[in-house]
C-alpha atoms as a PDB file:
ATOM      1  CA  MET A   1     137.001  96.548  89.520  1.00  0.00           C
ATOM      2  CA  TYR A   2     140.554  97.011  90.695  1.00  0.00           C
ATOM      3  CA  LYS A   3     143.450  96.052  88.463  1.00  0.00           C
ATOM      4  CA  LYS A   4     144.965  92.686  89.363  1.00  0.00           C
ATOM      5  CA  VAL A   5     148.313  92.421  91.087  1.00  0.00           C
ATOM      6  CA  ASP A   6     151.006  92.027  88.423  1.00  0.00           C
ATOM      7  CA  LEU A   7     154.232  90.007  88.311  1.00  0.00           C
ATOM      8  CA  ILE A   8     156.315  93.041  89.257  1.00  0.00           C
ATOM      9  CA  ASN A   9     154.385  93.408  92.515  1.00  0.00           C
ATOM     10  CA  ILE A  10     155.265  89.841  93.477  1.00  0.00           C
ATOM     11  CA  VAL A  11     158.897  90.313  92.458  1.00  0.00           C
ATOM     12  CA  ASN A  12     159.048  93.471  94.587  1.00  0.00           C
ATOM     13  CA  ALA A  13     157.815  91.515  97.604  1.00  0.00           C
ATOM     14  CA  VAL A  14     160.268  88.666  96.993  1.00  0.00           C
ATOM     15  CA  GLY A  15     163.116  91.157  96.600  1.00  0.00           C
ATOM     16  CA  PHE A  16     162.253  92.859  99.877  1.00  0.00           C
ATOM     17  CA  LEU A  17     162.047  89.529 101.725  1.00  0.00           C
ATOM     18  CA  MET A  18     165.427  88.546 100.271  1.00  0.00           C
ATOM     19  CA  VAL A  19     166.979  91.737 101.657  1.00  0.00           C
ATOM     20  CA  ILE A  20     165.512  91.129 105.115  1.00  0.00           C
ATOM     21  CA  VAL A  21     166.667  87.496 105.211  1.00  0.00           C
ATOM     22  CA  VAL A  22     170.191  88.266 103.978  1.00  0.00           C
ATOM     23  CA  ASN A  23     170.671  91.186 106.366  1.00  0.00           C
ATOM     24  CA  THR A  24     169.299  89.213 109.305  1.00  0.00           C
ATOM     25  CA  LEU A  25     171.519  86.198 108.639  1.00  0.00           C
ATOM     26  CA  ALA A  26     174.538  88.445 108.046  1.00  0.00           C
ATOM     27  CA  ASN A  27     174.466  89.507 111.676  1.00  0.00           C
ATOM     28  CA  SER A  28     172.852  86.504 113.359  1.00  0.00           C
ATOM     29  CA  LEU A  29     175.162  83.824 111.948  1.00  0.00           C
ATOM     30  CA  PRO A  30     177.206  86.062 111.309  1.00  0.00           C
ATOM     31  CA  LEU A  31     178.550  85.801 107.766  1.00  0.00           C
ATOM     32  CA  ASN A  32     182.308  85.161 107.769  1.00  0.00           C
ATOM     33  CA  ASN A  33     182.112  85.181 111.585  1.00  0.00           C
ATOM     34  CA  ILE A  34     181.945  88.966 111.768  1.00  0.00           C
ATOM     35  CA  THR A  35     179.023  91.372 112.051  1.00  0.00           C
ATOM     36  CA  THR A  36     178.408  94.353 109.795  1.00  0.00           C
ATOM     37  CA  GLY A  37     179.151  96.734 112.669  1.00  0.00           C
ATOM     38  CA  GLU A  38     182.390  94.959 113.606  1.00  0.00           C
ATOM     39  CA  LEU A  39     183.601  95.401 110.037  1.00  0.00           C
ATOM     40  CA  ALA A  40     182.826  99.112 110.208  1.00  0.00           C
ATOM     41  CA  ASP A  41     184.958  99.309 113.355  1.00  0.00           C
ATOM     42  CA  LYS A  42     187.735  97.304 111.700  1.00  0.00           C
ATOM     43  CA  TYR A  43     187.979  99.815 108.858  1.00  0.00           C
ATOM     44  CA  TYR A  44     187.488 102.846 111.061  1.00  0.00           C
ATOM     45  CA  ASN A  45     187.771 106.267 109.442  1.00  0.00           C
ATOM     46  CA  LEU A  46     186.865 109.829 110.370  1.00  0.00           C
ATOM     47  CA  PHE A  47     183.684 109.778 108.276  1.00  0.00           C
ATOM     48  CA  THR A  48     182.214 106.892 110.266  1.00  0.00           C
ATOM     49  CA  PRO A  49     179.355 108.185 112.448  1.00  0.00           C
ATOM     50  CA  ALA A  50     178.448 107.055 115.967  1.00  0.00           C
ATOM     51  CA  ALA A  51     177.156 103.474 116.197  1.00  0.00           C
ATOM     52  CA  TYR A  52     173.566 104.495 116.969  1.00  0.00           C
ATOM     53  CA  VAL A  53     173.306 106.200 113.575  1.00  0.00           C
ATOM     54  CA  PHE A  54     173.200 102.807 111.842  1.00  0.00           C
ATOM     55  CA  SER A  55     169.814 102.158 113.471  1.00  0.00           C
ATOM     56  CA  ILE A  56     168.518 104.103 110.457  1.00  0.00           C
ATOM     57  CA  TRP A  57     168.517 100.731 108.678  1.00  0.00           C
ATOM     58  CA  LEU A  58     165.626  99.608 110.890  1.00  0.00           C
ATOM     59  CA  VAL A  59     163.651 102.681 109.827  1.00  0.00           C
ATOM     60  CA  ILE A  60     164.512 102.070 106.173  1.00  0.00           C
ATOM     61  CA  TYR A  61     163.386  98.454 106.268  1.00  0.00           C
ATOM     62  CA  LEU A  62     160.156  99.315 108.087  1.00  0.00           C
ATOM     63  CA  LEU A  63     159.394 101.923 105.426  1.00  0.00           C
ATOM     64  CA  LEU A  64     160.276  99.537 102.593  1.00  0.00           C
ATOM     65  CA  GLY A  65     158.053  96.930 104.231  1.00  0.00           C
ATOM     66  CA  ALA A  66     155.201  99.447 104.212  1.00  0.00           C
ATOM     67  CA  PHE A  67     155.883 100.168 100.529  1.00  0.00           C
ATOM     68  CA  THR A  68     155.927  96.455  99.723  1.00  0.00           C
ATOM     69  CA  ILE A  69     152.555  95.855 101.386  1.00  0.00           C
ATOM     70  CA  PHE A  70     151.072  99.017  99.853  1.00  0.00           C
ATOM     71  CA  GLN A  71     152.095  98.126  96.296  1.00  0.00           C
ATOM     72  CA  LEU A  72     150.640  94.624  96.649  1.00  0.00           C
ATOM     73  CA  GLN A  73     147.105  95.907  97.218  1.00  0.00           C
ATOM     74  CA  PRO A  74     144.937  95.753  94.058  1.00  0.00           C
ATOM     75  CA  LYS A  75     143.273  99.108  94.816  1.00  0.00           C
ATOM     76  CA  HIS A  76     146.611 100.876  94.322  1.00  0.00           C
ATOM     77  CA  GLN A  77     147.545  99.330  90.973  1.00  0.00           C
ATOM     78  CA  ASP A  78     146.146 102.188  88.877  1.00  0.00           C
ATOM     79  CA  LYS A  79     148.035 104.956  90.685  1.00  0.00           C
ATOM     80  CA  GLY A  80     151.046 104.801  88.386  1.00  0.00           C
ATOM     81  CA  PHE A  81     153.803 104.500  90.960  1.00  0.00           C
ATOM     82  CA  VAL A  82     154.354 100.767  90.387  1.00  0.00           C
ATOM     83  CA  LYS A  83     155.116 101.361  86.710  1.00  0.00           C
ATOM     84  CA  LYS A  84     157.417 104.285  87.554  1.00  0.00           C
ATOM     85  CA  VAL A  85     159.387 102.273  90.087  1.00  0.00           C
ATOM     86  CA  GLY A  86     159.453  99.397  87.616  1.00  0.00           C
ATOM     87  CA  TRP A  87     162.194  96.814  87.956  1.00  0.00           C
ATOM     88  CA  LEU A  88     164.544  99.226  89.679  1.00  0.00           C
ATOM     89  CA  PHE A  89     163.320  98.227  93.133  1.00  0.00           C
ATOM     90  CA  PRO A  90     164.064  94.500  92.726  1.00  0.00           C
ATOM     91  CA  LEU A  91     167.390  95.521  91.177  1.00  0.00           C
ATOM     92  CA  SER A  92     168.144  97.615  94.270  1.00  0.00           C
ATOM     93  CA  CYS A  93     167.281  94.602  96.436  1.00  0.00           C
ATOM     94  CA  ILE A  94     169.816  92.501  94.538  1.00  0.00           C
ATOM     95  CA  PHE A  95     172.492  95.178  94.958  1.00  0.00           C
ATOM     96  CA  ASN A  96     171.700  95.465  98.678  1.00  0.00           C
ATOM     97  CA  SER A  97     171.977  91.709  99.241  1.00  0.00           C
ATOM     98  CA  VAL A  98     175.107  91.253  97.131  1.00  0.00           C
ATOM     99  CA  TRP A  99     176.743  94.160  98.952  1.00  0.00           C
ATOM    100  CA  ILE A 100     176.252  92.352 102.269  1.00  0.00           C
ATOM    101  CA  PHE A 101     178.150  89.301 100.998  1.00  0.00           C
ATOM    102  CA  PHE A 102     181.017  91.308  99.499  1.00  0.00           C
ATOM    103  CA  TRP A 103     181.265  93.462 102.631  1.00  0.00           C
ATOM    104  CA  HIS A 104     181.271  90.542 105.057  1.00  0.00           C
ATOM    105  CA  TYR A 105     183.836  88.595 103.065  1.00  0.00           C
ATOM    106  CA  GLU A 106     185.897  91.797 102.779  1.00  0.00           C
ATOM    107  CA  TYR A 107     185.899  92.194  99.015  1.00  0.00           C
ATOM    108  CA  LEU A 108     185.777  95.911  99.623  1.00  0.00           C
ATOM    109  CA  LEU A 109     186.390  97.130  96.084  1.00  0.00           C
ATOM    110  CA  LEU A 110     183.582  94.916  94.784  1.00  0.00           C
ATOM    111  CA  SER A 111     181.359  96.034  97.652  1.00  0.00           C
ATOM    112  CA  LEU A 112     182.048  99.636  96.661  1.00  0.00           C
ATOM    113  CA  LEU A 113     181.068  98.999  93.040  1.00  0.00           C
ATOM    114  CA  VAL A 114     177.871  97.271  94.148  1.00  0.00           C
ATOM    115  CA  MET A 115     177.109 100.150  96.517  1.00  0.00           C
ATOM    116  CA  PHE A 116     177.251 102.555  93.576  1.00  0.00           C
ATOM    117  CA  GLY A 117     174.896 100.227  91.699  1.00  0.00           C
ATOM    118  CA  LEU A 118     172.473 100.501  94.615  1.00  0.00           C
ATOM    119  CA  LEU A 119     172.877 104.281  94.651  1.00  0.00           C
ATOM    120  CA  PHE A 120     172.146 104.658  90.933  1.00  0.00           C
ATOM    121  CA  SER A 121     169.114 102.351  91.081  1.00  0.00           C
ATOM    122  CA  LEU A 122     167.661 104.446  93.919  1.00  0.00           C
ATOM    123  CA  ILE A 123     168.404 107.682  92.066  1.00  0.00           C
ATOM    124  CA  GLY A 124     166.505 106.215  89.111  1.00  0.00           C
ATOM    125  CA  ILE A 125     163.483 105.460  91.305  1.00  0.00           C
ATOM    126  CA  TYR A 126     163.680 108.890  92.933  1.00  0.00           C
ATOM    127  CA  LEU A 127     163.737 110.713  89.602  1.00  0.00           C
ATOM    128  CA  ARG A 128     161.017 108.573  88.038  1.00  0.00           C
ATOM    129  CA  LEU A 129     158.719 109.282  90.978  1.00  0.00           C
ATOM    130  CA  ASP A 130     159.784 112.948  90.842  1.00  0.00           C
ATOM    131  CA  ILE A 131     159.780 113.006  94.636  1.00  0.00           C
ATOM    132  CA  GLY A 132     159.351 116.442  96.165  1.00  0.00           C
ATOM    133  CA  ARG A 133     157.893 117.983  93.017  1.00  0.00           C
ATOM    134  CA  SER A 134     155.059 115.745  91.816  1.00  0.00           C
ATOM    135  CA  GLU A 135     151.522 116.131  93.159  1.00  0.00           C
ATOM    136  CA  VAL A 136     150.364 112.781  94.546  1.00  0.00           C
ATOM    137  CA  GLU A 137     147.876 111.509  97.104  1.00  0.00           C
ATOM    138  CA  GLN A 138     148.979 111.627 100.733  1.00  0.00           C
ATOM    139  CA  GLU A 139     149.049 107.839 101.031  1.00  0.00           C
ATOM    140  CA  VAL A 140     151.340 107.573  98.003  1.00  0.00           C
ATOM    141  CA  LYS A 141     153.555 110.261  99.500  1.00  0.00           C
ATOM    142  CA  ARG A 142     153.616 108.365 102.806  1.00  0.00           C
ATOM    143  CA  TYR A 143     154.039 104.782 101.594  1.00  0.00           C
ATOM    144  CA  VAL A 144     155.950 105.256  98.330  1.00  0.00           C
ATOM    145  CA  HIS A 145     157.812 108.566  98.282  1.00  0.00           C
ATOM    146  CA  LEU A 146     158.915 108.637 101.926  1.00  0.00           C
ATOM    147  CA  PRO A 147     160.546 105.156 101.913  1.00  0.00           C
ATOM    148  CA  PHE A 148     162.666 105.991  98.877  1.00  0.00           C
ATOM    149  CA  SER A 149     163.492 109.483 100.169  1.00  0.00           C
ATOM    150  CA  VAL A 150     164.899 108.050 103.388  1.00  0.00           C
ATOM    151  CA  TYR A 151     166.622 105.146 101.623  1.00  0.00           C
ATOM    152  CA  LEU A 152     168.317 107.414  99.076  1.00  0.00           C
ATOM    153  CA  GLY A 153     169.292 109.867 101.805  1.00  0.00           C
ATOM    154  CA  TRP A 154     171.234 107.151 103.597  1.00  0.00           C
ATOM    155  CA  ILE A 155     172.715 105.628 100.447  1.00  0.00           C
ATOM    156  CA  THR A 156     173.902 109.098  99.428  1.00  0.00           C
ATOM    157  CA  VAL A 157     176.157 108.974 102.494  1.00  0.00           C
ATOM    158  CA  ALA A 158     177.017 105.253 102.600  1.00  0.00           C
ATOM    159  CA  PRO A 159     179.277 105.094  99.495  1.00  0.00           C
ATOM    160  CA  ILE A 160     181.504 107.783 101.006  1.00  0.00           C
ATOM    161  CA  ALA A 161     182.069 105.630 104.083  1.00  0.00           C
ATOM    162  CA  ASN A 162     182.567 102.641 101.768  1.00  0.00           C
ATOM    163  CA  VAL A 163     185.294 104.497  99.837  1.00  0.00           C
ATOM    164  CA  ALA A 164     187.006 105.454 103.094  1.00  0.00           C
ATOM    165  CA  ALA A 165     186.887 101.840 104.301  1.00  0.00           C
ATOM    166  CA  TYR A 166     188.408 100.639 101.026  1.00  0.00           C
ATOM    167  CA  LEU A 167     191.266 103.144 101.333  1.00  0.00           C
ATOM    168  CA  VAL A 168     191.954 101.885 104.850  1.00  0.00           C
ATOM    169  CA  SER A 169     191.918  98.276 103.594  1.00  0.00           C
ATOM    170  CA  ILE A 170     194.645  98.934 100.992  1.00  0.00           C
ATOM    171  CA  GLY A 171     196.840 100.685 103.519  1.00  0.00           C
ATOM    172  CA  TRP A 172     196.224 104.187 102.344  1.00  0.00           C
ATOM    173  CA  PRO A 173     194.460 105.795 105.283  1.00  0.00           C
ATOM    174  CA  PRO A 174     195.269 109.504 105.345  1.00  0.00           C
ATOM    175  CA  VAL A 175     196.621 110.528 108.723  1.00  0.00           C
ATOM    176  CA  GLY A 176     196.781 113.687 110.792  1.00  0.00           C
ATOM    177  CA  MET A 177     195.415 116.901 109.345  1.00  0.00           C
ATOM    178  CA  THR A 178     195.275 115.418 105.843  1.00  0.00           C
ATOM    179  CA  ALA A 179     192.614 112.963 107.006  1.00  0.00           C
ATOM    180  CA  ILE A 180     190.742 115.752 108.753  1.00  0.00           C
ATOM    181  CA  TYR A 181     190.806 118.035 105.705  1.00  0.00           C
ATOM    182  CA  MET A 182     189.604 115.206 103.446  1.00  0.00           C
ATOM    183  CA  THR A 183     186.749 114.415 105.826  1.00  0.00           C
ATOM    184  CA  VAL A 184     185.769 118.079 106.034  1.00  0.00           C
ATOM    185  CA  PHE A 185     185.761 118.244 102.224  1.00  0.00           C
ATOM    186  CA  VAL A 186     183.437 115.241 102.018  1.00  0.00           C
ATOM    187  CA  ILE A 187     181.142 116.752 104.660  1.00  0.00           C
ATOM    188  CA  VAL A 188     180.961 119.976 102.646  1.00  0.00           C
ATOM    189  CA  VAL A 189     180.057 117.958  99.529  1.00  0.00           C
ATOM    190  CA  ALA A 190     177.264 116.206 101.463  1.00  0.00           C
ATOM    191  CA  ILE A 191     175.982 119.577 102.676  1.00  0.00           C
ATOM    192  CA  GLY A 192     176.066 120.874  99.096  1.00  0.00           C
ATOM    193  CA  LEU A 193     173.992 117.910  97.888  1.00  0.00           C
ATOM    194  CA  SER A 194     171.493 118.582 100.650  1.00  0.00           C
ATOM    195  CA  PHE A 195     171.230 122.278  99.759  1.00  0.00           C
ATOM    196  CA  ALA A 196     170.661 121.398  96.100  1.00  0.00           C
ATOM    197  CA  ASN A 197     167.908 118.955  97.033  1.00  0.00           C
ATOM    198  CA  ILE A 198     166.209 121.500  99.297  1.00  0.00           C
ATOM    199  CA  LEU A 199     166.242 124.233  96.655  1.00  0.00           C
ATOM    200  CA  ILE A 200     164.924 121.914  93.928  1.00  0.00           C
ATOM    201  CA  ARG A 201     162.672 119.518  95.845  1.00  0.00           C
ATOM    202  CA  ALA A 202     162.590 120.431  99.560  1.00  0.00           C
ATOM    203  CA  ASP A 203     162.400 116.712 100.359  1.00  0.00           C
ATOM    204  CA  VAL A 204     162.030 116.403 104.136  1.00  0.00           C
ATOM    205  CA  GLY A 205     162.787 112.670 104.383  1.00  0.00           C
ATOM    206  CA  TYR A 206     165.990 112.856 102.349  1.00  0.00           C
ATOM    207  CA  ASN A 207     167.391 115.825 104.233  1.00  0.00           C
ATOM    208  CA  LEU A 208     166.480 114.597 107.709  1.00  0.00           C
ATOM    209  CA  VAL A 209     168.626 111.536 107.031  1.00  0.00           C
ATOM    210  CA  LEU A 210     171.576 113.734 106.068  1.00  0.00           C
ATOM    211  CA  ILE A 211     171.091 115.745 109.268  1.00  0.00           C
ATOM    212  CA  TRP A 212     170.982 112.452 111.204  1.00  0.00           C
ATOM    213  CA  ALA A 213     174.272 111.334 109.623  1.00  0.00           C
ATOM    214  CA  LEU A 214     176.030 114.661 110.209  1.00  0.00           C
ATOM    215  CA  VAL A 215     174.989 114.768 113.858  1.00  0.00           C
ATOM    216  CA  GLY A 216     176.291 111.199 114.177  1.00  0.00           C
ATOM    217  CA  ILE A 217     179.668 112.272 112.781  1.00  0.00           C
ATOM    218  CA  LEU A 218     179.713 115.196 115.218  1.00  0.00           C
ATOM    219  CA  VAL A 219     179.067 112.839 118.153  1.00  0.00           C
ATOM    220  CA  LYS A 220     181.684 110.312 117.019  1.00  0.00           C
ATOM    221  CA  GLN A 221     184.362 112.893 116.254  1.00  0.00           C
ATOM    222  CA  ILE A 222     183.583 115.358 119.046  1.00  0.00           C
ATOM    223  CA  ASN A 223     187.246 115.517 120.109  1.00  0.00           C
ATOM    224  CA  THR A 224     188.651 115.751 116.582  1.00  0.00           C
ATOM    225  CA  PRO A 225     189.715 119.162 115.230  1.00  0.00           C
ATOM    226  CA  LEU A 226     187.399 120.873 112.704  1.00  0.00           C
ATOM    227  CA  ILE A 227     185.165 117.902 111.868  1.00  0.00           C
ATOM    228  CA  PRO A 228     182.522 118.332 114.606  1.00  0.00           C
ATOM    229  CA  TYR A 229     182.252 122.045 113.816  1.00  0.00           C
ATOM    230  CA  PHE A 230     181.616 121.470 110.119  1.00  0.00           C
ATOM    231  CA  ALA A 231     179.271 118.547 110.780  1.00  0.00           C
ATOM    232  CA  GLY A 232     177.290 120.460 113.399  1.00  0.00           C
ATOM    233  CA  ALA A 233     177.131 123.681 111.400  1.00  0.00           C
ATOM    234  CA  GLY A 234     176.126 121.714 108.308  1.00  0.00           C
ATOM    235  CA  ALA A 235     173.311 119.909 110.114  1.00  0.00           C
ATOM    236  CA  ALA A 236     172.026 123.200 111.515  1.00  0.00           C
ATOM    237  CA  ALA A 237     172.251 124.951 108.139  1.00  0.00           C
ATOM    238  CA  ILE A 238     170.354 122.131 106.416  1.00  0.00           C
ATOM    239  CA  ALA A 239     167.613 122.285 109.049  1.00  0.00           C
ATOM    240  CA  VAL A 240     167.272 126.068 108.773  1.00  0.00           C
ATOM    241  CA  LEU A 241     167.215 126.058 104.958  1.00  0.00           C
ATOM    242  CA  LEU A 242     164.677 123.223 104.888  1.00  0.00           C
ATOM    243  CA  VAL A 243     162.334 125.023 107.307  1.00  0.00           C
ATOM    244  CA  TRP A 244     162.723 128.270 105.349  1.00  0.00           C
ATOM    245  CA  LYS A 245     161.969 126.529 102.049  1.00  0.00           C
ATOM    246  CA  LYS A 246     158.897 124.821 103.486  1.00  0.00           C
ATOM    247  CA  LEU A 247     157.566 128.063 104.972  1.00  0.00           C
ATOM    248  CA  TYR A 248     158.358 130.360 102.065  1.00  0.00           C
END
């Protein structure tokens, strides 16, 4: 006999549906008469990637949908991942949804704080699952580990853009070479985080998202001094190191 579906499984499903509804309404209504993308353009900064990069959200939500369905099935209840994820997933859903409201109504400092809440909840899930180091069945790797790898990869980058948007909103956007140097510094930090992850965990999903973001910055800032070179070189270096780590 399989273990029965528990309360947490239902809460996970409700949390995921809440995220989908809030994000859909945010852009279809839209909330505060402005879309998420239009707000990103309003608070433009040099770390903002090309518009197509934000399609990663569709991938994230498809993967989270797969996780939600997977964790609802009674035959998977004894595999341990539900207990490890615990209440952090519904908490991340709350942070995600609240962020949308703060972002759309332009409470950017509050949105930044909530974004860090989302980041820390995902880090908690990632570490509890020990993604990249624990031995698990392929279906758990595919439907549990991969969704949170990709999600955390994107939310590793998103707070940086959120900080930059907040600085623009308070009238402190660095200009000229200062802005370029600051952006290059942030890109180098992102590359460093990726290298650390590869050496410790060699997590493909996480690092592919960082490559995706860096290539998007390269495309967006192709005519800006220094930035496209660092972004492109960083993406290439991450790819090479990841392949090397996987092979050797």
